[in-house]
Amino acid sequence: RWVCRQELRAQQAKAVMASNGNKRKRRQSTLDAEREACMEAVRAEDAANLDDLKWFADHAIVVEFDSRTGRPIRNETFRNPSKLDPIDGLVKIIHIPPDVLQDLTTIHNHIKVVTGGRMVSWSGVGGEWDGRLRAFGFPTRDVLRKLDTSHIRLRDFEKMGSDAEEDEKANRAAICILDEKQVQADGHEGEDDGKYNKLSVESIDAARRLCDLVIPEEAGLPPDVVNASQLVAYQPNLHNGAAFLKPHLDQPLHEGFGKVIVTVAIHGGGATIILLEKDENGVTEQGEQHQRSWRFHLNQGEAYVLSGRARNLCLHGVIADNPSGVRESLNLRFGKHSLAEAKTEIFDHWPASECPNLEDCVPYSSA
């Protein structure tokens, strides 16, 4: 009887295991189906967003730039004598000398190598994965300390609680200090010659030579911000085949910090940049869109600057020339908004859905 009970228990155990295995398979199959449905929804949303962005691009005012100052050439199609031009503060740097571009590319690649697998998704931890990755390179540790005592937090402004903490942790893991010897992403310091762990160019000097390509007063840029002493961080961006970047506002008290933002097309071809003014008029009874848009083309090796109204009061989006290519860009972020400046210059002009809870913007060093 004991043997029979043992055999019965063994048979029962096998039946339970088989049942559990079938449940796991069904559960995995359900998860796979849900994941595929989610990805299909994301693809459908991406297609719709790209169509919307292309519509704005097709109906946008084409911006041409003065070859000497880099400022948009004003013309009657978008000059409005009754108020400031919405894209005041937009500048294009067309001719970047090869040595300056090479040094910027070296900095870009150095941050990529040092941060490696720690580069963080643009959508943040737990966000919809779109393939884009970024990291941050601060010129010195003192610059990072000053950021930590400001009201800027390196996380998605929409995240709260533990999600916000995890997002900030991931962004901070993707930081390197450019004037220090760095450990590679794989944990090794590299060869004795410092090929992988020591930046071969001076990051602040590279920023200075880029800033020297524009005369702030003539370009309509703030001279107290567009200089190397105000450089806060370099930010390499790997777009990894993303066809577009939907229009967005760089959040000044979060990971989109910077009073002036310079974007350099480093690798993988050019792109069309679209700026959309804040939609204050909505849609007419005839269904005509009042929200104006502007577009210009950025070739590989060129850069554009967002400051003032173009940075604070317009959304900006991107359509890649070669969606399947390995496109990479580099942001240089200059200056920091105080809490009061962010409120008056940006948040007071946007609906609450675009703005963070300012009570949550406490300095990282005191959080």
Protein backbone atom coordinates (compact mmCIF):
# COMPACT_ATOMS: atom_id res chain seq x y z
CA ARG A 1 0.00 0.00 0.00
CA TRP A 2 2.90 2.32 0.82
CA VAL A 3 4.42 1.70 -2.61
CA CYS A 4 1.10 2.35 -4.26
CA ARG A 5 0.72 5.61 -2.33
CA GLN A 6 4.21 6.67 -3.40
CA GLU A 7 3.42 5.87 -7.03
CA LEU A 8 0.12 7.72 -6.75
CA ARG A 9 1.86 10.77 -5.25
CA ALA A 10 4.47 10.66 -8.00
CA GLN A 11 1.75 10.48 -10.63
CA GLN A 12 -0.09 13.33 -8.95
CA ALA A 13 3.10 15.39 -8.81
CA LYS A 14 3.73 14.77 -12.51
CA ALA A 15 0.16 15.79 -13.27
CA VAL A 16 0.56 18.98 -11.22
CA MET A 17 3.88 19.77 -12.92
CA ALA A 18 2.36 19.18 -16.32
CA SER A 19 -0.58 21.37 -15.39
CA ASN A 20 1.74 24.07 -14.09
CA GLY A 21 3.84 23.79 -17.22
CA ASN A 22 0.75 24.21 -19.37
CA LYS A 23 -0.31 27.19 -17.24
CA ARG A 24 3.15 28.74 -17.66
CA LYS A 25 3.00 28.20 -21.39
CA ARG A 26 -0.48 29.71 -21.56
CA ARG A 27 0.64 32.59 -19.36
CA GLN A 28 3.75 33.17 -21.49
CA SER A 29 1.65 32.93 -24.62
CA THR A 30 -0.71 35.54 -23.16
CA LEU A 31 2.21 37.78 -22.22
CA ASP A 32 3.71 37.42 -25.70
CA ALA A 33 0.37 38.29 -27.26
CA GLU A 34 -0.05 41.30 -24.97
CA ARG A 35 3.49 42.45 -25.71
CA GLU A 36 2.96 42.13 -29.46
CA ALA A 37 -0.35 44.00 -29.19
CA CYS A 38 1.41 46.74 -27.24
CA MET A 39 4.20 46.96 -29.83
CA GLU A 40 1.62 47.07 -32.61
CA ALA A 41 -0.15 49.93 -30.83
CA VAL A 42 3.17 51.76 -30.46
CA ARG A 43 3.95 51.25 -34.16
CA ALA A 44 0.50 52.55 -35.11
CA GLU A 45 0.93 55.58 -32.83
CA ASP A 46 4.41 56.23 -34.27
CA ALA A 47 3.03 56.10 -37.81
CA ALA A 48 0.29 58.57 -36.88
CA ASN A 49 2.78 60.88 -35.12
CA LEU A 50 5.10 60.78 -38.14
CA ASP A 51 2.22 61.59 -40.46
CA ASP A 52 1.28 64.55 -38.24
CA LEU A 53 4.86 65.80 -38.19
CA LYS A 54 5.16 65.46 -41.96
CA TRP A 55 1.96 67.47 -42.33
CA PHE A 56 3.45 70.29 -40.27
CA ALA A 57 6.68 70.04 -42.25
CA ASP A 58 4.79 70.22 -45.56
CA HIS A 59 2.93 73.33 -44.37
CA ALA A 60 5.88 74.91 -42.61
CA ILE A 61 7.59 78.16 -43.46
CA VAL A 62 11.03 77.36 -44.87
CA VAL A 63 13.73 79.15 -42.89
CA GLU A 64 16.87 80.41 -44.59
CA PHE A 65 19.83 81.64 -42.60
CA ASP A 66 22.26 84.51 -42.96
CA SER A 67 25.61 82.92 -43.79
CA ARG A 68 27.51 85.41 -41.62
CA THR A 69 25.41 85.73 -38.46
CA GLY A 70 23.52 82.43 -38.63
CA ARG A 71 20.22 84.19 -37.89
CA PRO A 72 17.04 83.42 -39.84
CA ILE A 73 16.56 85.74 -42.79
CA ARG A 74 13.37 87.64 -42.10
CA ASN A 75 10.80 87.71 -44.85
CA GLU A 76 7.18 88.71 -45.10
CA THR A 77 5.92 85.13 -44.90
CA PHE A 78 6.61 85.00 -41.17
CA ARG A 79 7.41 88.54 -40.08
CA ASN A 80 4.75 89.82 -37.71
CA PRO A 81 5.36 93.51 -36.96
CA SER A 82 2.97 93.44 -34.01
CA LYS A 83 5.10 91.11 -31.89
CA LEU A 84 8.47 89.41 -31.62
CA ASP A 85 9.13 86.63 -34.09
CA PRO A 86 8.35 83.27 -32.45
CA ILE A 87 11.67 81.82 -33.60
CA ASP A 88 13.87 84.59 -32.17
CA GLY A 89 16.82 82.76 -30.64
CA LEU A 90 17.19 80.21 -33.46
CA VAL A 91 20.65 80.20 -35.05
CA LYS A 92 22.33 77.81 -37.49
CA ILE A 93 26.08 77.15 -37.46
CA ILE A 94 26.72 76.13 -41.04
CA HIS A 95 30.50 76.05 -41.28
CA ILE A 96 32.17 74.12 -38.44
CA PRO A 97 35.93 73.81 -39.09
CA PRO A 98 37.11 70.19 -39.42
CA ASP A 99 39.34 70.40 -36.33
CA VAL A 100 36.46 71.66 -34.16
CA LEU A 101 34.08 69.01 -35.49
CA GLN A 102 36.70 66.33 -34.93
CA ASP A 103 37.17 67.35 -31.29
CA LEU A 104 33.40 67.39 -30.71
CA THR A 105 33.19 63.93 -32.30
CA THR A 106 36.00 62.73 -30.03
CA ILE A 107 34.11 63.94 -26.95
CA HIS A 108 30.90 62.34 -28.25
CA ASN A 109 32.63 58.98 -28.78
CA HIS A 110 34.47 59.15 -25.45
CA ILE A 111 31.22 59.52 -23.50
CA LYS A 112 29.71 56.64 -25.49
CA VAL A 113 32.63 54.35 -24.65
CA VAL A 114 32.83 55.28 -20.99
CA THR A 115 29.09 54.98 -20.30
CA GLY A 116 28.52 52.08 -22.73
CA GLY A 117 25.70 49.83 -21.49
CA ARG A 118 24.71 52.45 -18.93
CA MET A 119 23.39 54.82 -21.59
CA VAL A 120 19.76 55.49 -20.76
CA SER A 121 16.62 55.43 -22.89
CA TRP A 122 15.16 58.77 -23.91
CA SER A 123 11.78 57.49 -22.74
CA GLY A 124 13.15 56.89 -19.27
CA VAL A 125 12.98 53.80 -17.07
CA GLY A 126 9.71 51.99 -17.69
CA GLY A 127 8.81 54.20 -20.65
CA GLU A 128 7.94 53.07 -24.15
CA TRP A 129 11.20 51.85 -25.66
CA ASP A 130 11.93 53.70 -28.90
CA GLY A 131 15.59 52.71 -29.30
CA ARG A 132 17.09 56.12 -28.53
CA LEU A 133 19.88 56.29 -25.99
CA ARG A 134 21.70 59.18 -24.32
CA ALA A 135 24.36 59.91 -21.72
CA PHE A 136 25.85 63.00 -20.07
CA GLY A 137 29.42 64.26 -19.94
CA PHE A 138 30.10 67.03 -17.40
CA PRO A 139 33.29 69.06 -17.96
CA THR A 140 34.33 68.86 -14.29
CA ARG A 141 32.99 67.39 -11.07
CA ASP A 142 32.45 70.91 -9.76
CA VAL A 143 30.01 71.61 -12.61
CA LEU A 144 28.04 68.50 -11.62
CA ARG A 145 28.04 69.59 -7.95
CA LYS A 146 26.59 72.95 -8.96
CA LEU A 147 23.85 71.18 -10.92
CA ASP A 148 23.09 69.09 -7.82
CA THR A 149 22.58 72.22 -5.70
CA SER A 150 20.21 73.74 -8.28
CA HIS A 151 16.55 72.77 -8.73
CA ILE A 152 17.35 70.56 -11.75
CA ARG A 153 16.59 66.85 -11.45
CA LEU A 154 17.81 64.32 -14.02
CA ARG A 155 14.55 62.47 -14.53
CA ASP A 156 11.34 62.57 -16.55
CA PHE A 157 9.13 65.34 -15.17
CA GLU A 158 6.01 63.17 -15.47
CA LYS A 159 7.36 60.38 -13.25
CA MET A 160 6.60 60.29 -9.53
CA GLY A 161 7.58 58.31 -6.44
CA SER A 162 9.70 55.22 -6.95
CA ASP A 163 9.44 55.54 -10.74
CA ALA A 164 11.06 58.98 -10.54
CA GLU A 165 13.79 57.65 -8.24
CA GLU A 166 14.59 54.76 -10.59
CA ASP A 167 14.64 57.09 -13.59
CA GLU A 168 17.02 59.50 -11.88
CA LYS A 169 19.23 56.62 -10.77
CA ALA A 170 19.48 55.41 -14.38
CA ASN A 171 20.27 58.90 -15.71
CA ARG A 172 22.97 59.38 -13.09
CA ALA A 173 24.52 56.03 -13.99
CA ALA A 174 24.92 57.45 -17.51
CA ILE A 175 27.15 60.32 -16.32
CA CYS A 176 30.89 60.71 -16.79
CA ILE A 177 33.28 63.49 -15.75
CA LEU A 178 35.34 64.58 -18.73
CA ASP A 179 38.48 65.82 -16.97
CA GLU A 180 38.86 62.67 -14.85
CA LYS A 181 40.26 59.26 -15.63
CA GLN A 182 37.24 57.09 -16.34
CA VAL A 183 36.59 53.38 -16.00
CA GLN A 184 35.20 51.73 -19.11
CA ALA A 185 31.60 50.57 -19.15
CA ASP A 186 32.83 46.97 -18.88
CA GLY A 187 34.56 47.78 -15.58
CA HIS A 188 38.14 47.82 -16.94
CA GLU A 189 40.39 50.84 -16.99
CA GLY A 190 41.75 49.98 -20.42
CA GLU A 191 45.33 49.97 -21.66
CA ASP A 192 48.13 51.97 -20.07
CA ASP A 193 48.06 54.43 -22.97
CA GLY A 194 44.62 55.59 -21.80
CA LYS A 195 43.04 54.92 -25.18
CA TYR A 196 39.70 54.05 -23.66
CA ASN A 197 39.62 55.99 -20.44
CA LYS A 198 41.24 59.39 -20.95
CA LEU A 199 39.74 62.14 -23.06
CA SER A 200 42.35 63.32 -25.54
CA VAL A 201 40.87 66.79 -26.00
CA GLU A 202 39.92 69.56 -23.59
CA SER A 203 36.13 69.67 -23.41
CA ILE A 204 35.77 73.32 -22.34
CA ASP A 205 38.18 74.45 -25.06
CA ALA A 206 36.18 72.55 -27.69
CA ALA A 207 33.03 74.33 -26.51
CA ARG A 208 34.84 77.68 -26.61
CA ARG A 209 35.92 77.15 -30.22
CA LEU A 210 32.35 76.22 -31.17
CA CYS A 211 30.98 79.34 -29.43
CA ASP A 212 33.57 81.45 -31.25
CA LEU A 213 31.83 80.58 -34.53
CA VAL A 214 28.95 82.91 -33.65
CA ILE A 215 28.90 86.49 -32.43
CA PRO A 216 26.14 86.41 -29.80
CA GLU A 217 25.15 90.06 -30.17
CA GLU A 218 24.77 89.74 -33.94
CA ALA A 219 23.16 86.31 -33.76
CA GLY A 220 20.61 87.43 -31.19
CA LEU A 221 21.99 85.11 -28.50
CA PRO A 222 22.65 85.96 -24.84
CA PRO A 223 26.43 86.59 -24.59
CA ASP A 224 26.42 85.83 -20.86
CA VAL A 225 25.25 82.26 -21.61
CA VAL A 226 26.77 81.40 -25.02
CA ASN A 227 30.31 80.98 -23.78
CA ALA A 228 32.36 78.03 -22.60
CA SER A 229 32.30 79.11 -18.94
CA GLN A 230 28.55 78.40 -18.95
CA LEU A 231 28.83 74.88 -20.41
CA VAL A 232 26.97 72.45 -18.15
CA ALA A 233 27.07 69.19 -20.09
CA TYR A 234 27.61 67.37 -23.36
CA GLN A 235 24.87 64.89 -24.26
CA PRO A 236 25.49 62.26 -26.97
CA ASN A 237 22.30 60.92 -28.56
CA LEU A 238 22.09 57.58 -30.39
CA HIS A 239 18.91 57.53 -32.48
CA ASN A 240 19.30 53.88 -33.53
CA GLY A 241 17.12 53.95 -36.63
CA ALA A 242 14.37 56.16 -35.21
CA ALA A 243 12.66 57.86 -38.15
CA PHE A 244 11.60 60.93 -36.22
CA LEU A 245 11.49 62.72 -32.90
CA LYS A 246 8.05 64.05 -32.11
CA PRO A 247 7.70 67.74 -31.19
CA HIS A 248 8.59 68.36 -27.57
CA LEU A 249 9.68 70.98 -25.08
CA ASP A 250 13.04 70.46 -23.36
CA GLN A 251 12.16 70.54 -19.66
CA PRO A 252 14.44 73.17 -18.01
CA LEU A 253 14.29 71.68 -14.50
CA HIS A 254 14.73 68.08 -15.61
CA GLU A 255 16.80 66.21 -18.19
CA GLY A 256 16.13 68.93 -20.81
CA PHE A 257 18.06 71.56 -18.84
CA GLY A 258 19.92 74.45 -20.44
CA LYS A 259 19.11 78.08 -21.27
CA VAL A 260 20.85 77.59 -24.61
CA ILE A 261 20.98 74.21 -26.36
CA VAL A 262 23.31 73.52 -29.28
CA THR A 263 22.75 70.37 -31.35
CA VAL A 264 25.51 69.05 -33.65
CA ALA A 265 24.76 66.45 -36.35
CA ILE A 266 27.68 64.10 -35.68
CA HIS A 267 27.05 60.99 -37.76
CA GLY A 268 24.56 59.19 -39.99
CA GLY A 269 23.31 61.95 -42.24
CA GLY A 270 21.15 65.01 -41.84
CA ALA A 271 17.60 65.74 -40.76
CA THR A 272 14.76 68.20 -41.14
CA ILE A 273 14.12 70.26 -38.01
CA ILE A 274 10.57 71.49 -37.40
CA LEU A 275 9.61 74.20 -34.92
CA LEU A 276 5.97 74.65 -33.86
CA GLU A 277 4.80 77.72 -32.03
CA LYS A 278 2.53 77.36 -29.04
CA ASP A 279 -1.01 76.69 -30.30
CA GLU A 280 -2.94 79.68 -28.97
CA ASN A 281 -5.61 79.89 -31.66
CA GLY A 282 -6.67 76.30 -32.14
CA VAL A 283 -8.52 75.42 -35.33
CA THR A 284 -10.82 77.62 -37.39
CA GLU A 285 -14.40 76.69 -38.23
CA GLN A 286 -13.15 75.66 -41.66
CA GLY A 287 -10.72 73.22 -40.04
CA GLU A 288 -7.62 75.26 -40.87
CA GLN A 289 -4.74 74.93 -38.46
CA HIS A 290 -3.60 78.22 -36.93
CA GLN A 291 -0.54 76.75 -35.24
CA ARG A 292 2.39 77.93 -37.34
CA SER A 293 5.46 75.86 -38.04
CA TRP A 294 8.91 76.45 -39.50
CA ARG A 295 11.41 74.02 -40.98
CA PHE A 296 15.03 73.93 -42.04
CA HIS A 297 17.47 71.24 -43.06
CA LEU A 298 20.52 70.30 -40.99
CA ASN A 299 23.35 68.50 -42.77
CA GLN A 300 25.81 66.19 -41.09
CA GLY A 301 28.57 68.34 -39.61
CA GLU A 302 26.30 71.36 -39.03
CA ALA A 303 24.73 72.62 -35.81
CA TYR A 304 21.76 74.68 -34.69
CA VAL A 305 21.14 76.70 -31.55
CA LEU A 306 17.90 77.02 -29.57
CA SER A 307 17.62 79.91 -27.14
CA GLY A 308 15.14 82.59 -26.14
CA ARG A 309 11.67 82.28 -27.67
CA ALA A 310 12.68 79.48 -30.03
CA ARG A 311 13.82 77.38 -27.06
CA ASN A 312 11.16 78.39 -24.53
CA LEU A 313 7.98 79.01 -26.52
CA CYS A 314 8.26 76.55 -29.43
CA LEU A 315 8.18 72.79 -29.66
CA HIS A 316 10.85 71.20 -31.82
CA GLY A 317 10.77 67.91 -33.69
CA VAL A 318 13.00 66.04 -36.14
CA ILE A 319 12.52 63.91 -39.27
CA ALA A 320 15.61 61.91 -40.23
CA ASP A 321 16.85 61.90 -43.83
CA ASN A 322 17.77 58.24 -43.53
CA PRO A 323 15.51 56.55 -40.95
CA SER A 324 17.33 53.23 -41.20
CA GLY A 325 20.74 54.84 -40.73
CA VAL A 326 22.81 55.05 -37.59
CA ARG A 327 22.17 58.72 -36.83
CA GLU A 328 23.95 60.32 -33.87
CA SER A 329 23.84 63.87 -32.53
CA LEU A 330 25.49 65.79 -29.73
CA ASN A 331 23.83 68.38 -27.47
CA LEU A 332 25.81 71.05 -25.65
CA ARG A 333 23.75 72.50 -22.80
CA PHE A 334 24.70 75.98 -21.57
CA GLY A 335 23.40 77.74 -18.47
CA LYS A 336 20.73 76.72 -15.96
CA HIS A 337 17.30 78.15 -15.25
CA SER A 338 16.52 79.04 -11.66
CA LEU A 339 13.11 78.02 -10.35
CA ALA A 340 11.81 81.56 -10.87
CA GLU A 341 13.29 81.86 -14.38
CA ALA A 342 11.82 78.53 -15.47
CA LYS A 343 8.40 79.63 -14.24
CA THR A 344 8.34 83.08 -15.83
CA GLU A 345 10.21 82.27 -19.06
CA ILE A 346 8.63 78.89 -19.82
CA PHE A 347 5.99 77.39 -17.56
CA ASP A 348 3.72 80.45 -17.39
CA HIS A 349 3.30 80.13 -21.16
CA TRP A 350 2.37 76.45 -21.29
CA PRO A 351 -0.60 74.39 -20.05
CA ALA A 352 -0.20 72.48 -16.81
CA SER A 353 0.20 69.19 -18.68
CA GLU A 354 3.54 70.43 -20.04
CA CYS A 355 4.85 71.61 -16.67
CA PRO A 356 6.26 69.81 -13.62
CA ASN A 357 5.07 70.19 -10.07
CA LEU A 358 7.52 72.85 -8.93
CA GLU A 359 7.23 71.65 -5.32
CA ASP A 360 8.95 68.42 -6.42
CA CYS A 361 11.92 70.34 -7.89
CA VAL A 362 14.08 70.31 -4.79
CA PRO A 363 17.88 70.17 -5.23
CA TYR A 364 19.29 66.67 -5.63
CA SER A 365 21.87 67.39 -2.93
CA SER A 366 19.15 68.02 -0.33
CA ALA A 367 16.59 65.42 -1.47
